[in-house]
């Protein structure tokens, strides 16, 4: 019985986050020169979002390396984060205006610190997911429609990941 309640709660949480984000997206207008899907502002937002997802991916990799016992629990979430990073970079075929693609930049940075305790490591990942979901939700207002939908979807997934990571094991 508790497993059904948790599944329902998970579904409701993800649905509520996605629904709220979709409402925000529907309220934005597409006026002005910097609101197009291919505008420089949209491209910078895509690059920043790709870097953020890649940095989160590096955090997952560091946590998996430090706590292999968490692999079964973290691998599906990590896989989703990898898809998010790709989704932000698939829009453009050419490198970013700065001359280098956004892919891999976070991997050049120092490896994120991982708590020695598994529960603390999960909590740190949950907090990183939560913060990034909040940032993406805020960015919806300035994003053009297609990018706003992607941000909303990824923010909802991040909120669900944070919830799942904070849940007790078992």
N, C-alpha and C. Protein backbone atom coordinates (compact mmCIF):
# COMPACT_ATOMS: atom_id res chain seq x y z
N UNK A 1 0.81 -1.20 0.00
CA UNK A 1 0.00 0.00 0.00
C UNK A 1 0.85 1.27 0.00
N UNK A 2 1.90 1.39 0.82
CA UNK A 2 2.71 2.61 0.79
C UNK A 2 3.34 2.85 -0.58
N UNK A 3 3.68 1.77 -1.32
CA UNK A 3 4.30 1.94 -2.62
C UNK A 3 3.34 2.65 -3.59
N UNK A 4 2.04 2.35 -3.52
CA UNK A 4 1.06 3.00 -4.36
C UNK A 4 0.96 4.48 -4.00
N UNK A 5 0.94 4.79 -2.71
CA UNK A 5 0.86 6.18 -2.29
C UNK A 5 2.07 6.97 -2.76
N UNK A 6 3.26 6.36 -2.67
CA UNK A 6 4.46 7.05 -3.13
C UNK A 6 4.41 7.28 -4.64
N UNK A 7 3.93 6.28 -5.40
CA UNK A 7 3.84 6.45 -6.85
C UNK A 7 2.87 7.56 -7.19
N UNK A 8 1.73 7.60 -6.52
CA UNK A 8 0.75 8.65 -6.76
C UNK A 8 1.33 10.00 -6.40
N UNK A 9 2.04 10.07 -5.28
CA UNK A 9 2.64 11.33 -4.84
C UNK A 9 3.69 11.79 -5.83
N UNK A 10 4.49 10.86 -6.33
CA UNK A 10 5.51 11.21 -7.33
C UNK A 10 4.86 11.75 -8.59
N UNK A 11 3.81 11.08 -9.03
CA UNK A 11 3.11 11.51 -10.24
C UNK A 11 2.50 12.89 -10.04
N UNK A 12 1.87 13.10 -8.91
CA UNK A 12 1.27 14.40 -8.64
C UNK A 12 2.32 15.50 -8.58
N UNK A 13 3.45 15.22 -7.94
CA UNK A 13 4.52 16.21 -7.84
C UNK A 13 5.03 16.60 -9.22
N UNK A 14 5.34 15.61 -10.03
CA UNK A 14 5.86 15.89 -11.37
C UNK A 14 4.82 16.60 -12.22
N UNK A 15 3.57 16.16 -12.14
CA UNK A 15 2.50 16.80 -12.89
C UNK A 15 2.26 18.23 -12.48
N UNK A 16 2.29 18.48 -11.18
CA UNK A 16 2.09 19.85 -10.68
C UNK A 16 3.21 20.77 -11.13
N UNK A 17 4.44 20.28 -11.05
CA UNK A 17 5.59 21.10 -11.48
C UNK A 17 5.50 21.40 -12.96
N UNK A 18 5.20 20.40 -13.77
CA UNK A 18 5.12 20.59 -15.21
C UNK A 18 3.93 21.48 -15.57
N UNK A 19 2.80 21.27 -14.91
CA UNK A 19 1.62 22.09 -15.18
C UNK A 19 1.85 23.55 -14.84
N UNK A 20 2.47 23.80 -13.71
CA UNK A 20 2.76 25.18 -13.31
C UNK A 20 3.73 25.84 -14.27
N UNK A 21 4.73 25.09 -14.69
CA UNK A 21 5.70 25.63 -15.63
C UNK A 21 5.04 25.89 -16.99
N UNK A 22 4.14 25.01 -17.40
CA UNK A 22 3.44 25.20 -18.68
C UNK A 22 2.57 26.44 -18.63
N UNK A 23 1.93 26.70 -17.50
CA UNK A 23 1.13 27.91 -17.36
C UNK A 23 1.99 29.16 -17.50
N UNK A 24 3.16 29.14 -16.87
CA UNK A 24 4.07 30.27 -17.00
C UNK A 24 4.50 30.47 -18.45
N UNK A 25 4.74 29.38 -19.14
CA UNK A 25 5.19 29.45 -20.51
C UNK A 25 4.10 30.01 -21.41
N UNK A 26 2.87 29.63 -21.17
CA UNK A 26 1.76 30.10 -21.97
C UNK A 26 1.51 31.58 -21.81
N UNK A 27 1.96 32.18 -20.73
CA UNK A 27 1.72 33.59 -20.47
C UNK A 27 2.77 34.50 -21.08
N UNK A 28 3.84 33.95 -21.61
CA UNK A 28 4.89 34.81 -22.14
C UNK A 28 4.53 35.27 -23.54
N UNK A 29 5.00 36.44 -23.90
CA UNK A 29 4.76 36.94 -25.24
C UNK A 29 6.03 36.78 -26.06
N UNK A 30 5.88 36.84 -27.35
CA UNK A 30 7.03 36.66 -28.23
C UNK A 30 7.34 37.96 -28.94
N UNK A 31 7.30 39.08 -28.22
CA UNK A 31 7.55 40.39 -28.80
C UNK A 31 9.02 40.75 -28.63
N UNK A 32 9.51 41.56 -29.52
CA UNK A 32 10.85 42.12 -29.36
C UNK A 32 11.90 41.33 -30.09
N UNK A 33 13.02 42.00 -30.39
CA UNK A 33 14.07 41.36 -31.17
C UNK A 33 14.83 40.27 -30.43
N UNK A 34 14.84 40.30 -29.11
CA UNK A 34 15.61 39.31 -28.35
C UNK A 34 14.75 38.15 -27.87
N UNK A 35 13.56 37.95 -28.43
CA UNK A 35 12.66 36.90 -27.98
C UNK A 35 12.60 35.72 -28.95
N UNK A 36 13.25 35.80 -30.11
CA UNK A 36 13.21 34.72 -31.08
C UNK A 36 14.03 33.53 -30.63
N UNK A 37 13.68 32.36 -31.17
CA UNK A 37 14.38 31.11 -30.83
C UNK A 37 15.87 31.19 -31.18
N UNK A 38 16.19 31.95 -32.23
CA UNK A 38 17.58 32.04 -32.69
C UNK A 38 18.26 33.34 -32.27
N UNK A 39 17.66 34.09 -31.36
CA UNK A 39 18.27 35.34 -30.91
C UNK A 39 19.53 35.05 -30.10
N UNK A 40 20.35 36.07 -29.96
CA UNK A 40 21.58 35.89 -29.19
C UNK A 40 21.25 35.63 -27.72
N UNK A 41 20.20 36.25 -27.20
CA UNK A 41 19.81 36.00 -25.80
C UNK A 41 19.37 34.55 -25.61
N UNK A 42 18.59 34.04 -26.56
CA UNK A 42 18.15 32.64 -26.47
C UNK A 42 19.34 31.70 -26.57
N UNK A 43 20.28 32.02 -27.45
CA UNK A 43 21.46 31.17 -27.60
C UNK A 43 22.30 31.17 -26.33
N UNK A 44 22.45 32.33 -25.70
CA UNK A 44 23.20 32.40 -24.43
C UNK A 44 22.49 31.59 -23.35
N UNK A 45 21.17 31.65 -23.32
CA UNK A 45 20.40 30.88 -22.34
C UNK A 45 20.56 29.39 -22.58
N UNK A 46 20.53 28.98 -23.85
CA UNK A 46 20.75 27.57 -24.18
C UNK A 46 22.14 27.12 -23.74
N UNK A 47 23.15 27.94 -24.03
CA UNK A 47 24.52 27.58 -23.65
C UNK A 47 24.66 27.47 -22.14
N UNK A 48 24.09 28.43 -21.41
CA UNK A 48 24.16 28.40 -19.94
C UNK A 48 23.42 27.17 -19.41
N UNK A 49 22.28 26.86 -20.00
CA UNK A 49 21.50 25.70 -19.56
C UNK A 49 22.26 24.40 -19.84
N UNK A 50 22.93 24.34 -20.98
CA UNK A 50 23.74 23.16 -21.31
C UNK A 50 24.90 23.02 -20.32
N UNK A 51 25.56 24.13 -20.02
CA UNK A 51 26.67 24.10 -19.04
C UNK A 51 26.16 23.66 -17.67
N UNK A 52 25.00 24.19 -17.26
CA UNK A 52 24.44 23.82 -15.96
C UNK A 52 24.12 22.32 -15.91
N UNK A 53 23.54 21.80 -16.98
CA UNK A 53 23.24 20.36 -17.02
C UNK A 53 24.51 19.53 -17.03
N UNK A 54 25.53 20.00 -17.75
CA UNK A 54 26.80 19.27 -17.80
C UNK A 54 27.48 19.30 -16.43
N UNK A 55 27.37 20.43 -15.73
CA UNK A 55 27.95 20.51 -14.38
C UNK A 55 27.20 19.57 -13.43
N UNK A 56 25.88 19.50 -13.57
CA UNK A 56 25.10 18.58 -12.74
C UNK A 56 25.47 17.13 -13.07
N UNK A 57 25.68 16.87 -14.34
CA UNK A 57 26.12 15.53 -14.77
C UNK A 57 27.46 15.17 -14.12
N UNK A 58 28.37 16.14 -14.06
CA UNK A 58 29.67 15.91 -13.40
C UNK A 58 29.48 15.61 -11.91
N UNK A 59 28.50 16.26 -11.30
CA UNK A 59 28.21 16.01 -9.89
C UNK A 59 27.69 14.58 -9.70
N UNK A 60 26.82 14.14 -10.61
CA UNK A 60 26.34 12.75 -10.56
C UNK A 60 27.51 11.78 -10.72
N UNK A 61 28.39 12.05 -11.69
CA UNK A 61 29.53 11.16 -11.93
C UNK A 61 30.44 11.10 -10.71
N UNK A 62 30.69 12.24 -10.08
CA UNK A 62 31.54 12.27 -8.89
C UNK A 62 30.89 11.50 -7.74
N UNK A 63 29.58 11.63 -7.61
CA UNK A 63 28.86 10.93 -6.54
C UNK A 63 28.89 9.43 -6.79
N UNK A 64 28.69 9.03 -8.04
CA UNK A 64 28.75 7.60 -8.38
C UNK A 64 30.14 7.03 -8.14
N UNK A 65 31.16 7.81 -8.44
CA UNK A 65 32.54 7.35 -8.20
C UNK A 65 32.82 7.21 -6.71
N UNK A 66 32.30 8.12 -5.91
CA UNK A 66 32.54 8.09 -4.46
C UNK A 66 31.66 7.07 -3.75
N UNK A 67 30.48 6.79 -4.31
CA UNK A 67 29.52 5.88 -3.65
C UNK A 67 28.93 4.91 -4.68
N UNK A 68 29.69 3.91 -5.09
CA UNK A 68 29.20 2.95 -6.09
C UNK A 68 27.92 2.24 -5.66
N UNK A 69 27.67 2.13 -4.38
CA UNK A 69 26.45 1.45 -3.91
C UNK A 69 25.19 2.21 -4.31
N UNK A 70 25.33 3.48 -4.66
CA UNK A 70 24.17 4.29 -5.07
C UNK A 70 23.86 4.16 -6.56
N UNK A 71 24.64 3.36 -7.27
CA UNK A 71 24.52 3.28 -8.73
C UNK A 71 23.10 2.95 -9.20
N UNK A 72 22.48 1.96 -8.60
CA UNK A 72 21.13 1.56 -9.04
C UNK A 72 20.14 2.72 -8.90
N UNK A 73 20.29 3.49 -7.88
CA UNK A 73 19.39 4.60 -7.62
C UNK A 73 19.71 5.83 -8.48
N UNK A 74 20.99 6.08 -8.73
CA UNK A 74 21.39 7.31 -9.41
C UNK A 74 21.48 7.20 -10.93
N UNK A 75 21.77 6.02 -11.45
CA UNK A 75 21.98 5.89 -12.90
C UNK A 75 20.79 6.37 -13.74
N UNK A 76 19.54 6.03 -13.39
CA UNK A 76 18.42 6.53 -14.21
C UNK A 76 18.32 8.06 -14.19
N UNK A 77 18.57 8.66 -13.04
CA UNK A 77 18.50 10.12 -12.93
C UNK A 77 19.65 10.75 -13.71
N UNK A 78 20.83 10.16 -13.60
CA UNK A 78 22.00 10.65 -14.32
C UNK A 78 21.75 10.60 -15.82
N UNK A 79 21.14 9.51 -16.27
CA UNK A 79 20.83 9.35 -17.69
C UNK A 79 19.89 10.47 -18.17
N UNK A 80 18.92 10.82 -17.36
CA UNK A 80 18.01 11.92 -17.71
C UNK A 80 18.77 13.25 -17.80
N UNK A 81 19.65 13.50 -16.86
CA UNK A 81 20.43 14.74 -16.86
C UNK A 81 21.30 14.80 -18.13
N UNK A 82 21.86 13.68 -18.54
CA UNK A 82 22.66 13.64 -19.77
C UNK A 82 21.79 13.99 -20.98
N UNK A 83 20.56 13.50 -21.01
CA UNK A 83 19.63 13.83 -22.10
C UNK A 83 19.28 15.32 -22.08
N UNK A 84 19.15 15.88 -20.88
CA UNK A 84 18.86 17.31 -20.77
C UNK A 84 20.00 18.13 -21.37
N UNK A 85 21.23 17.77 -21.06
CA UNK A 85 22.39 18.49 -21.60
C UNK A 85 22.40 18.43 -23.12
N UNK A 86 22.10 17.24 -23.66
CA UNK A 86 22.05 17.10 -25.12
C UNK A 86 20.92 17.92 -25.72
N UNK A 87 19.78 17.96 -25.06
CA UNK A 87 18.62 18.70 -25.59
C UNK A 87 18.93 20.18 -25.74
N UNK A 88 19.72 20.73 -24.83
CA UNK A 88 20.06 22.14 -24.93
C UNK A 88 21.07 22.43 -26.03
N UNK A 89 21.82 21.43 -26.47
CA UNK A 89 22.84 21.66 -27.50
C UNK A 89 22.39 21.19 -28.88
N UNK A 90 21.33 20.41 -28.98
CA UNK A 90 20.88 19.89 -30.27
C UNK A 90 20.29 20.96 -31.18
N UNK A 91 19.88 22.08 -30.63
CA UNK A 91 19.24 23.15 -31.39
C UNK A 91 20.15 23.71 -32.46
N UNK A 92 21.42 23.78 -32.17
CA UNK A 92 22.34 24.40 -33.13
C UNK A 92 23.31 23.35 -33.67
N UNK A 93 23.65 23.51 -34.91
CA UNK A 93 24.59 22.59 -35.54
C UNK A 93 26.02 23.12 -35.45
N UNK A 94 26.13 24.44 -35.39
CA UNK A 94 27.45 25.07 -35.36
C UNK A 94 27.89 25.33 -33.93
N UNK A 95 29.20 25.54 -33.71
CA UNK A 95 29.68 25.91 -32.38
C UNK A 95 29.08 27.23 -31.93
N UNK A 96 29.14 27.48 -30.63
CA UNK A 96 28.60 28.71 -30.07
C UNK A 96 29.39 29.91 -30.58
N UNK A 97 28.80 31.12 -30.46
CA UNK A 97 29.48 32.31 -30.95
C UNK A 97 30.86 32.51 -30.30
N UNK A 98 31.08 32.01 -29.13
CA UNK A 98 32.37 32.19 -28.47
C UNK A 98 33.46 31.33 -29.11
N UNK A 99 33.05 30.45 -30.04
CA UNK A 99 34.04 29.67 -30.77
C UNK A 99 34.17 28.24 -30.30
N UNK A 100 33.60 27.90 -29.16
CA UNK A 100 33.66 26.52 -28.70
C UNK A 100 32.29 26.08 -28.25
N UNK A 101 31.94 24.84 -28.49
CA UNK A 101 30.63 24.37 -28.09
C UNK A 101 30.49 24.33 -26.57
N UNK A 102 29.25 24.40 -26.12
CA UNK A 102 28.99 24.40 -24.68
C UNK A 102 29.24 23.03 -24.07
N UNK A 103 29.20 21.99 -24.90
CA UNK A 103 29.41 20.64 -24.39
C UNK A 103 30.77 20.52 -23.73
N UNK A 104 30.81 19.85 -22.59
CA UNK A 104 32.06 19.50 -21.96
C UNK A 104 32.73 20.57 -21.14
N UNK A 105 32.25 21.79 -21.14
CA UNK A 105 32.91 22.84 -20.39
C UNK A 105 32.95 22.55 -18.90
N UNK A 106 31.87 22.00 -18.36
CA UNK A 106 31.84 21.73 -16.92
C UNK A 106 32.82 20.61 -16.56
N UNK A 107 33.06 19.70 -17.49
CA UNK A 107 34.00 18.63 -17.19
C UNK A 107 35.44 19.14 -17.09
N UNK A 108 35.69 20.33 -17.66
CA UNK A 108 37.02 20.92 -17.55
C UNK A 108 37.24 21.49 -16.16
N UNK A 109 36.15 21.79 -15.46
CA UNK A 109 36.25 22.36 -14.11
C UNK A 109 36.66 21.27 -13.13
N UNK A 110 36.98 21.69 -11.92
CA UNK A 110 37.36 20.75 -10.88
C UNK A 110 36.20 19.80 -10.57
N UNK A 111 36.55 18.58 -10.18
CA UNK A 111 35.53 17.60 -9.80
C UNK A 111 34.81 18.10 -8.56
N UNK A 112 33.46 18.05 -8.58
CA UNK A 112 32.71 18.53 -7.42
C UNK A 112 33.01 17.70 -6.17
N UNK A 113 33.01 18.36 -5.02
CA UNK A 113 33.21 17.67 -3.75
C UNK A 113 31.96 16.84 -3.44
N UNK A 114 32.20 15.64 -2.94
CA UNK A 114 31.10 14.73 -2.60
C UNK A 114 31.21 14.37 -1.12
N UNK A 115 30.13 14.52 -0.36
CA UNK A 115 30.16 14.13 1.05
C UNK A 115 30.51 12.64 1.19
N UNK A 116 31.16 12.31 2.31
CA UNK A 116 31.57 10.91 2.54
C UNK A 116 30.39 10.02 2.89
N UNK A 117 29.37 10.56 3.47
CA UNK A 117 28.17 9.82 3.86
C UNK A 117 27.22 9.73 2.66
N UNK A 118 26.69 8.53 2.38
CA UNK A 118 25.79 8.34 1.24
C UNK A 118 24.54 9.21 1.33
N UNK A 119 23.95 9.28 2.51
CA UNK A 119 22.74 10.09 2.66
C UNK A 119 23.04 11.57 2.40
N UNK A 120 24.17 12.03 2.90
CA UNK A 120 24.57 13.42 2.67
C UNK A 120 24.88 13.65 1.19
N UNK A 121 25.45 12.66 0.52
CA UNK A 121 25.74 12.78 -0.90
C UNK A 121 24.44 12.88 -1.71
N UNK A 122 23.44 12.07 -1.36
CA UNK A 122 22.12 12.15 -2.00
C UNK A 122 21.49 13.51 -1.74
N UNK A 123 21.60 13.99 -0.51
CA UNK A 123 21.04 15.29 -0.15
C UNK A 123 21.70 16.42 -0.94
N UNK A 124 23.01 16.32 -1.12
CA UNK A 124 23.73 17.34 -1.91
C UNK A 124 23.26 17.32 -3.36
N UNK A 125 23.06 16.13 -3.92
CA UNK A 125 22.53 16.04 -5.28
C UNK A 125 21.11 16.60 -5.35
N UNK A 126 20.30 16.27 -4.37
CA UNK A 126 18.92 16.78 -4.34
C UNK A 126 18.91 18.30 -4.29
N UNK A 127 19.78 18.88 -3.49
CA UNK A 127 19.86 20.34 -3.39
C UNK A 127 20.32 20.95 -4.70
N UNK A 128 21.28 20.32 -5.37
CA UNK A 128 21.75 20.82 -6.66
C UNK A 128 20.62 20.77 -7.70
N UNK A 129 19.87 19.67 -7.72
CA UNK A 129 18.73 19.54 -8.63
C UNK A 129 17.68 20.60 -8.33
N UNK A 130 17.37 20.80 -7.06
CA UNK A 130 16.36 21.76 -6.64
C UNK A 130 16.74 23.19 -7.05
N UNK A 131 17.99 23.56 -6.77
CA UNK A 131 18.45 24.90 -7.13
C UNK A 131 18.41 25.12 -8.64
N UNK A 132 18.84 24.14 -9.40
CA UNK A 132 18.84 24.29 -10.84
C UNK A 132 17.41 24.34 -11.38
N UNK A 133 16.51 23.56 -10.81
CA UNK A 133 15.10 23.62 -11.23
C UNK A 133 14.53 25.01 -10.95
N UNK A 134 14.88 25.59 -9.82
CA UNK A 134 14.41 26.95 -9.49
C UNK A 134 14.96 27.98 -10.47
N UNK A 135 16.22 27.87 -10.82
CA UNK A 135 16.83 28.79 -11.78
C UNK A 135 16.11 28.68 -13.12
N UNK A 136 15.88 27.47 -13.56
CA UNK A 136 15.23 27.27 -14.87
C UNK A 136 13.80 27.78 -14.87
N UNK A 137 13.11 27.62 -13.77
CA UNK A 137 11.75 28.14 -13.67
C UNK A 137 11.76 29.66 -13.80
N UNK A 138 12.71 30.32 -13.19
CA UNK A 138 12.83 31.79 -13.29
C UNK A 138 13.17 32.21 -14.73
N UNK A 139 13.95 31.42 -15.42
CA UNK A 139 14.37 31.78 -16.77
C UNK A 139 13.26 31.63 -17.80
N UNK A 140 12.18 30.96 -17.44
CA UNK A 140 11.06 30.78 -18.37
C UNK A 140 10.52 32.10 -18.90
N UNK A 141 10.45 33.09 -18.05
CA UNK A 141 9.83 34.36 -18.42
C UNK A 141 10.57 35.07 -19.54
N UNK A 142 11.87 34.88 -19.64
CA UNK A 142 12.67 35.57 -20.65
C UNK A 142 12.92 34.71 -21.89
N UNK A 143 12.51 33.45 -21.85
CA UNK A 143 12.82 32.53 -22.94
C UNK A 143 11.76 32.57 -24.03
N UNK A 144 12.17 32.38 -25.28
CA UNK A 144 11.19 32.25 -26.36
C UNK A 144 10.42 30.94 -26.17
N UNK A 145 9.26 30.80 -26.81
CA UNK A 145 8.36 29.66 -26.53
C UNK A 145 8.97 28.27 -26.58
N UNK A 146 9.69 27.93 -27.63
CA UNK A 146 10.26 26.58 -27.73
C UNK A 146 11.25 26.31 -26.61
N UNK A 147 12.12 27.26 -26.35
CA UNK A 147 13.11 27.11 -25.29
C UNK A 147 12.42 27.11 -23.92
N UNK A 148 11.38 27.91 -23.77
CA UNK A 148 10.64 27.94 -22.50
C UNK A 148 10.01 26.58 -22.21
N UNK A 149 9.48 25.94 -23.23
CA UNK A 149 8.90 24.59 -23.03
C UNK A 149 9.97 23.60 -22.60
N UNK A 150 11.14 23.69 -23.22
CA UNK A 150 12.24 22.80 -22.83
C UNK A 150 12.67 23.08 -21.40
N UNK A 151 12.83 24.35 -21.06
CA UNK A 151 13.21 24.71 -19.68
C UNK A 151 12.17 24.22 -18.68
N UNK A 152 10.89 24.37 -19.02
CA UNK A 152 9.82 23.93 -18.12
C UNK A 152 9.88 22.43 -17.90
N UNK A 153 10.08 21.69 -18.97
CA UNK A 153 10.16 20.24 -18.87
C UNK A 153 11.35 19.80 -18.03
N UNK A 154 12.50 20.41 -18.29
CA UNK A 154 13.71 20.04 -17.56
C UNK A 154 13.62 20.48 -16.09
N UNK A 155 13.00 21.63 -15.84
CA UNK A 155 12.81 22.09 -14.45
C UNK A 155 11.90 21.12 -13.70
N UNK A 156 10.84 20.67 -14.35
CA UNK A 156 9.93 19.71 -13.71
C UNK A 156 10.65 18.40 -13.42
N UNK A 157 11.46 17.94 -14.36
CA UNK A 157 12.22 16.71 -14.13
C UNK A 157 13.20 16.90 -12.98
N UNK A 158 13.86 18.05 -12.92
CA UNK A 158 14.79 18.32 -11.83
C UNK A 158 14.10 18.33 -10.48
N UNK A 159 12.90 18.92 -10.42
CA UNK A 159 12.14 18.92 -9.16
C UNK A 159 11.78 17.50 -8.75
N UNK A 160 11.40 16.69 -9.73
CA UNK A 160 11.09 15.28 -9.43
C UNK A 160 12.34 14.53 -8.98
N UNK A 161 13.47 14.80 -9.62
CA UNK A 161 14.73 14.17 -9.21
C UNK A 161 15.06 14.54 -7.76
N UNK A 162 14.90 15.82 -7.43
CA UNK A 162 15.19 16.28 -6.06
C UNK A 162 14.32 15.52 -5.06
N UNK A 163 13.06 15.36 -5.40
CA UNK A 163 12.13 14.64 -4.52
C UNK A 163 12.58 13.18 -4.36
N UNK A 164 12.91 12.53 -5.47
CA UNK A 164 13.31 11.12 -5.42
C UNK A 164 14.62 10.93 -4.65
N UNK A 165 15.54 11.88 -4.81
CA UNK A 165 16.82 11.78 -4.09
C UNK A 165 16.64 11.99 -2.58
N UNK A 166 15.67 12.78 -2.21
CA UNK A 166 15.44 13.08 -0.79
C UNK A 166 14.66 11.96 -0.10
N UNK A 167 14.02 11.10 -0.89
CA UNK A 167 13.24 9.99 -0.33
C UNK A 167 14.16 8.97 0.32
N UNK A 168 13.74 8.39 1.45
CA UNK A 168 14.57 7.34 2.08
C UNK A 168 14.73 6.15 1.13
N UNK A 169 15.88 5.50 1.21
CA UNK A 169 16.14 4.34 0.36
C UNK A 169 15.23 3.20 0.75
N UNK A 170 14.93 2.38 -0.29
CA UNK A 170 14.14 1.18 -0.02
C UNK A 170 12.81 1.32 -0.48
